[in-house]
Amino acid sequence: MTDETKLQVSVQLTPEQVAEAWWGLSSDEQAQFYAHLHRISKGVLCLQTAYMVSHIIETENSDARDAFCTIHNHSTEYVETAVDMRCHAAIRGIAKMADAARATH
């Protein structure tokens, strides 16, 4: 017979603890965080973001504003650059395959 003890704990994390946990994640884990946030937001992430930004401005929280802007203002450029890099890599790969095929004929 095995004695088993079950324990249920509820923990309320502070925003600071969530930020520290996020900062400690790898790039892949941070991407997973955003993917999960997208899934659990059920289509209202844009609205919640608008509320948050409004609160940041109303409370003049410059640290929050600066962090939010740093992360999100550059994200479109980073995504576009990453897509461009993948396209160029694919083009180079196709060109190498074409060169190899021509060399064998």
N, C-alpha and C. Protein backbone atom coordinates (compact mmCIF):
# COMPACT_ATOMS: atom_id res chain seq x y z
N MET A 1 0.84 -1.17 0.00
CA MET A 1 0.00 0.00 0.00
C MET A 1 0.89 1.24 0.00
N THR A 2 0.50 2.22 -0.78
CA THR A 2 1.26 3.46 -0.87
C THR A 2 0.45 4.58 -0.27
N ASP A 3 1.11 5.33 0.60
CA ASP A 3 0.45 6.53 1.13
C ASP A 3 0.62 7.64 0.12
N GLU A 4 -0.46 8.29 -0.17
CA GLU A 4 -0.41 9.37 -1.14
C GLU A 4 -1.04 10.60 -0.52
N THR A 5 -0.33 11.68 -0.66
CA THR A 5 -0.84 12.95 -0.16
C THR A 5 -1.02 13.88 -1.34
N LYS A 6 -2.17 14.48 -1.42
CA LYS A 6 -2.42 15.45 -2.48
C LYS A 6 -2.47 16.82 -1.87
N LEU A 7 -1.83 17.75 -2.55
CA LEU A 7 -1.77 19.12 -2.08
C LEU A 7 -2.15 20.03 -3.23
N GLN A 8 -3.08 20.89 -2.99
CA GLN A 8 -3.45 21.86 -4.01
C GLN A 8 -3.07 23.24 -3.50
N VAL A 9 -2.31 23.95 -4.33
CA VAL A 9 -1.82 25.27 -3.94
C VAL A 9 -2.24 26.26 -5.00
N SER A 10 -2.68 27.40 -4.56
CA SER A 10 -3.00 28.48 -5.48
C SER A 10 -2.01 29.60 -5.23
N VAL A 11 -1.36 30.04 -6.31
CA VAL A 11 -0.35 31.06 -6.20
C VAL A 11 -0.73 32.22 -7.10
N GLN A 12 -0.72 33.41 -6.57
CA GLN A 12 -0.98 34.62 -7.35
C GLN A 12 0.35 35.28 -7.65
N LEU A 13 0.74 35.27 -8.92
CA LEU A 13 2.00 35.89 -9.31
C LEU A 13 1.82 37.39 -9.49
N THR A 14 2.83 38.13 -9.11
CA THR A 14 2.80 39.57 -9.33
C THR A 14 3.24 39.86 -10.77
N PRO A 15 2.90 41.02 -11.30
CA PRO A 15 3.40 41.37 -12.64
C PRO A 15 4.93 41.31 -12.72
N GLU A 16 5.60 41.67 -11.65
CA GLU A 16 7.06 41.62 -11.63
C GLU A 16 7.56 40.18 -11.77
N GLN A 17 6.90 39.24 -11.11
CA GLN A 17 7.31 37.84 -11.20
C GLN A 17 7.06 37.28 -12.60
N VAL A 18 5.94 37.66 -13.20
CA VAL A 18 5.66 37.21 -14.56
C VAL A 18 6.71 37.78 -15.52
N ALA A 19 7.05 39.06 -15.36
CA ALA A 19 8.07 39.68 -16.22
C ALA A 19 9.43 38.99 -16.05
N GLU A 20 9.80 38.70 -14.81
CA GLU A 20 11.08 38.03 -14.57
C GLU A 20 11.08 36.63 -15.17
N ALA A 21 9.96 35.93 -15.05
CA ALA A 21 9.87 34.59 -15.63
C ALA A 21 9.98 34.67 -17.16
N TRP A 22 9.27 35.64 -17.78
CA TRP A 22 9.32 35.81 -19.23
C TRP A 22 10.75 36.13 -19.67
N TRP A 23 11.42 37.02 -18.93
CA TRP A 23 12.78 37.42 -19.28
C TRP A 23 13.74 36.24 -19.22
N GLY A 24 13.47 35.29 -18.34
CA GLY A 24 14.33 34.12 -18.19
C GLY A 24 14.08 33.03 -19.23
N LEU A 25 13.08 33.20 -20.08
CA LEU A 25 12.76 32.21 -21.09
C LEU A 25 13.69 32.34 -22.29
N SER A 26 13.88 31.25 -22.99
CA SER A 26 14.62 31.28 -24.26
C SER A 26 13.74 31.94 -25.32
N SER A 27 14.32 32.24 -26.46
CA SER A 27 13.54 32.82 -27.56
C SER A 27 12.39 31.91 -27.96
N ASP A 28 12.65 30.60 -28.02
CA ASP A 28 11.60 29.65 -28.38
C ASP A 28 10.48 29.66 -27.34
N GLU A 29 10.85 29.70 -26.07
CA GLU A 29 9.83 29.73 -25.00
C GLU A 29 9.05 31.03 -25.02
N GLN A 30 9.72 32.14 -25.31
CA GLN A 30 9.00 33.42 -25.41
C GLN A 30 8.01 33.37 -26.57
N ALA A 31 8.40 32.74 -27.67
CA ALA A 31 7.47 32.58 -28.80
C ALA A 31 6.28 31.72 -28.39
N GLN A 32 6.54 30.67 -27.61
CA GLN A 32 5.46 29.82 -27.11
C GLN A 32 4.53 30.62 -26.20
N PHE A 33 5.10 31.51 -25.40
CA PHE A 33 4.31 32.38 -24.53
C PHE A 33 3.33 33.20 -25.36
N TYR A 34 3.85 33.84 -26.43
CA TYR A 34 2.98 34.66 -27.27
C TYR A 34 1.93 33.82 -27.99
N ALA A 35 2.31 32.62 -28.43
CA ALA A 35 1.34 31.74 -29.08
C ALA A 35 0.22 31.38 -28.11
N HIS A 36 0.57 31.06 -26.87
CA HIS A 36 -0.43 30.71 -25.88
C HIS A 36 -1.30 31.93 -25.53
N LEU A 37 -0.68 33.08 -25.42
CA LEU A 37 -1.43 34.31 -25.15
C LEU A 37 -2.45 34.55 -26.25
N HIS A 38 -2.05 34.32 -27.49
CA HIS A 38 -2.97 34.47 -28.62
C HIS A 38 -4.16 33.52 -28.48
N ARG A 39 -3.86 32.26 -28.12
CA ARG A 39 -4.93 31.26 -28.00
C ARG A 39 -5.89 31.57 -26.86
N ILE A 40 -5.36 31.99 -25.72
CA ILE A 40 -6.25 32.20 -24.57
C ILE A 40 -6.98 33.53 -24.63
N SER A 41 -6.54 34.44 -25.50
CA SER A 41 -7.18 35.76 -25.56
C SER A 41 -8.54 35.71 -26.25
N LYS A 42 -8.81 34.65 -26.95
CA LYS A 42 -10.11 34.43 -27.59
C LYS A 42 -10.57 35.63 -28.42
N GLY A 43 -9.65 36.18 -29.18
CA GLY A 43 -10.00 37.24 -30.11
C GLY A 43 -10.08 38.64 -29.56
N VAL A 44 -9.73 38.84 -28.31
CA VAL A 44 -9.80 40.19 -27.74
C VAL A 44 -8.43 40.73 -27.32
N LEU A 45 -7.37 40.14 -27.83
CA LEU A 45 -6.04 40.61 -27.49
C LEU A 45 -5.83 42.05 -27.92
N CYS A 46 -6.34 42.41 -29.09
CA CYS A 46 -6.21 43.78 -29.58
C CYS A 46 -6.92 44.75 -28.64
N LEU A 47 -8.11 44.39 -28.20
CA LEU A 47 -8.87 45.25 -27.29
C LEU A 47 -8.15 45.38 -25.95
N GLN A 48 -7.66 44.27 -25.42
CA GLN A 48 -6.93 44.30 -24.15
C GLN A 48 -5.68 45.16 -24.27
N THR A 49 -5.01 45.04 -25.41
CA THR A 49 -3.82 45.85 -25.65
C THR A 49 -4.17 47.33 -25.65
N ALA A 50 -5.29 47.69 -26.27
CA ALA A 50 -5.73 49.09 -26.28
C ALA A 50 -6.00 49.59 -24.87
N TYR A 51 -6.65 48.76 -24.05
CA TYR A 51 -6.90 49.14 -22.64
C TYR A 51 -5.58 49.35 -21.90
N MET A 52 -4.64 48.41 -22.12
CA MET A 52 -3.36 48.50 -21.43
C MET A 52 -2.60 49.75 -21.83
N VAL A 53 -2.55 50.03 -23.13
CA VAL A 53 -1.83 51.22 -23.60
C VAL A 53 -2.48 52.48 -23.06
N SER A 54 -3.81 52.51 -23.02
CA SER A 54 -4.52 53.65 -22.46
C SER A 54 -4.12 53.85 -20.99
N HIS A 55 -4.05 52.75 -20.25
CA HIS A 55 -3.66 52.83 -18.84
C HIS A 55 -2.22 53.32 -18.70
N ILE A 56 -1.33 52.82 -19.56
CA ILE A 56 0.07 53.25 -19.52
C ILE A 56 0.16 54.76 -19.72
N ILE A 57 -0.58 55.29 -20.69
CA ILE A 57 -0.54 56.72 -20.99
C ILE A 57 -1.18 57.53 -19.87
N GLU A 58 -2.34 57.08 -19.39
CA GLU A 58 -3.04 57.82 -18.33
C GLU A 58 -2.24 57.89 -17.05
N THR A 59 -1.50 56.83 -16.74
CA THR A 59 -0.72 56.80 -15.50
C THR A 59 0.70 57.31 -15.69
N GLU A 60 1.02 57.70 -16.93
CA GLU A 60 2.35 58.21 -17.26
C GLU A 60 3.46 57.24 -16.83
N ASN A 61 3.21 55.96 -17.06
CA ASN A 61 4.18 54.92 -16.70
C ASN A 61 5.20 54.79 -17.82
N SER A 62 6.25 55.59 -17.75
CA SER A 62 7.22 55.64 -18.84
C SER A 62 8.00 54.33 -19.00
N ASP A 63 8.26 53.62 -17.91
CA ASP A 63 8.95 52.33 -18.04
C ASP A 63 8.11 51.34 -18.84
N ALA A 64 6.82 51.28 -18.53
CA ALA A 64 5.92 50.38 -19.26
C ALA A 64 5.81 50.81 -20.72
N ARG A 65 5.68 52.12 -20.95
CA ARG A 65 5.59 52.64 -22.32
C ARG A 65 6.85 52.29 -23.11
N ASP A 66 8.01 52.53 -22.51
CA ASP A 66 9.27 52.26 -23.20
C ASP A 66 9.44 50.77 -23.51
N ALA A 67 9.11 49.91 -22.56
CA ALA A 67 9.24 48.47 -22.78
C ALA A 67 8.28 48.01 -23.87
N PHE A 68 7.03 48.45 -23.79
CA PHE A 68 6.03 48.06 -24.78
C PHE A 68 6.45 48.52 -26.17
N CYS A 69 6.87 49.77 -26.28
CA CYS A 69 7.28 50.31 -27.58
C CYS A 69 8.51 49.59 -28.12
N THR A 70 9.47 49.30 -27.25
CA THR A 70 10.67 48.59 -27.69
C THR A 70 10.32 47.23 -28.25
N ILE A 71 9.48 46.50 -27.55
CA ILE A 71 9.11 45.15 -28.01
C ILE A 71 8.28 45.22 -29.29
N HIS A 72 7.25 46.04 -29.28
CA HIS A 72 6.25 45.96 -30.34
C HIS A 72 6.47 46.88 -31.53
N ASN A 73 7.13 48.00 -31.35
CA ASN A 73 7.36 48.88 -32.49
C ASN A 73 8.30 48.26 -33.51
N HIS A 74 9.22 47.44 -33.05
CA HIS A 74 10.20 46.85 -33.96
C HIS A 74 9.75 45.49 -34.49
N SER A 75 8.69 44.94 -33.94
CA SER A 75 8.31 43.57 -34.29
C SER A 75 7.95 43.41 -35.76
N THR A 76 7.24 44.36 -36.35
CA THR A 76 6.88 44.26 -37.76
C THR A 76 8.13 44.22 -38.62
N GLU A 77 9.07 45.11 -38.32
CA GLU A 77 10.33 45.13 -39.08
C GLU A 77 11.08 43.81 -38.93
N TYR A 78 11.13 43.27 -37.71
CA TYR A 78 11.83 42.01 -37.48
C TYR A 78 11.17 40.87 -38.26
N VAL A 79 9.83 40.83 -38.24
CA VAL A 79 9.12 39.78 -38.96
C VAL A 79 9.38 39.90 -40.46
N GLU A 80 9.29 41.11 -40.98
CA GLU A 80 9.53 41.32 -42.41
C GLU A 80 10.96 40.94 -42.78
N THR A 81 11.92 41.30 -41.95
CA THR A 81 13.32 40.96 -42.20
C THR A 81 13.52 39.45 -42.18
N ALA A 82 12.90 38.78 -41.21
CA ALA A 82 13.03 37.32 -41.11
C ALA A 82 12.43 36.65 -42.34
N VAL A 83 11.29 37.14 -42.81
CA VAL A 83 10.67 36.57 -44.01
C VAL A 83 11.57 36.81 -45.21
N ASP A 84 12.11 38.03 -45.34
CA ASP A 84 13.02 38.33 -46.44
C ASP A 84 14.24 37.41 -46.41
N MET A 85 14.79 37.18 -45.22
CA MET A 85 15.97 36.33 -45.10
C MET A 85 15.64 34.90 -45.54
N ARG A 86 14.46 34.41 -45.15
CA ARG A 86 14.07 33.06 -45.55
C ARG A 86 13.86 32.98 -47.06
N CYS A 87 13.27 34.02 -47.65
CA CYS A 87 13.06 34.05 -49.10
C CYS A 87 14.40 34.04 -49.83
N HIS A 88 15.33 34.88 -49.38
CA HIS A 88 16.65 34.93 -50.02
C HIS A 88 17.39 33.60 -49.87
N ALA A 89 17.27 32.97 -48.72
CA ALA A 89 17.91 31.67 -48.51
C ALA A 89 17.30 30.63 -49.44
N ALA A 90 15.99 30.67 -49.61
CA ALA A 90 15.32 29.74 -50.52
C ALA A 90 15.77 29.98 -51.96
N ILE A 91 15.87 31.23 -52.36
CA ILE A 91 16.31 31.57 -53.72
C ILE A 91 17.73 31.07 -53.95
N ARG A 92 18.60 31.28 -52.96
CA ARG A 92 19.99 30.79 -53.08
C ARG A 92 20.02 29.27 -53.19
N GLY A 93 19.19 28.62 -52.38
CA GLY A 93 19.14 27.15 -52.41
C GLY A 93 18.67 26.63 -53.76
N ILE A 94 17.65 27.27 -54.32
CA ILE A 94 17.14 26.86 -55.63
C ILE A 94 18.20 27.10 -56.71
N ALA A 95 18.88 28.23 -56.61
CA ALA A 95 19.93 28.54 -57.59
C ALA A 95 21.05 27.49 -57.53
N LYS A 96 21.43 27.07 -56.33
CA LYS A 96 22.47 26.04 -56.19
C LYS A 96 22.01 24.72 -56.79
N MET A 97 20.75 24.37 -56.54
CA MET A 97 20.23 23.12 -57.11
C MET A 97 20.20 23.20 -58.64
N ALA A 98 19.82 24.36 -59.17
CA ALA A 98 19.78 24.54 -60.63
C ALA A 98 21.18 24.45 -61.19
N ASP A 99 22.16 25.08 -60.54
CA ASP A 99 23.54 25.01 -60.98
C ASP A 99 24.05 23.56 -60.97
N ALA A 100 23.72 22.84 -59.91
CA ALA A 100 24.14 21.43 -59.81
C ALA A 100 23.51 20.59 -60.90
N ALA A 101 22.23 20.85 -61.20
CA ALA A 101 21.55 20.10 -62.25
C ALA A 101 22.15 20.42 -63.63
N ARG A 102 22.47 21.68 -63.85
CA ARG A 102 23.09 22.06 -65.14
C ARG A 102 24.48 21.44 -65.28
N ALA A 103 25.20 21.35 -64.17
CA ALA A 103 26.56 20.81 -64.20
C ALA A 103 26.56 19.31 -64.55
N THR A 104 25.50 18.62 -64.23
CA THR A 104 25.44 17.18 -64.51
C THR A 104 24.97 16.90 -65.93
N HIS A 105 24.49 17.91 -66.64
CA HIS A 105 24.01 17.70 -68.02
C HIS A 105 24.97 18.19 -69.02
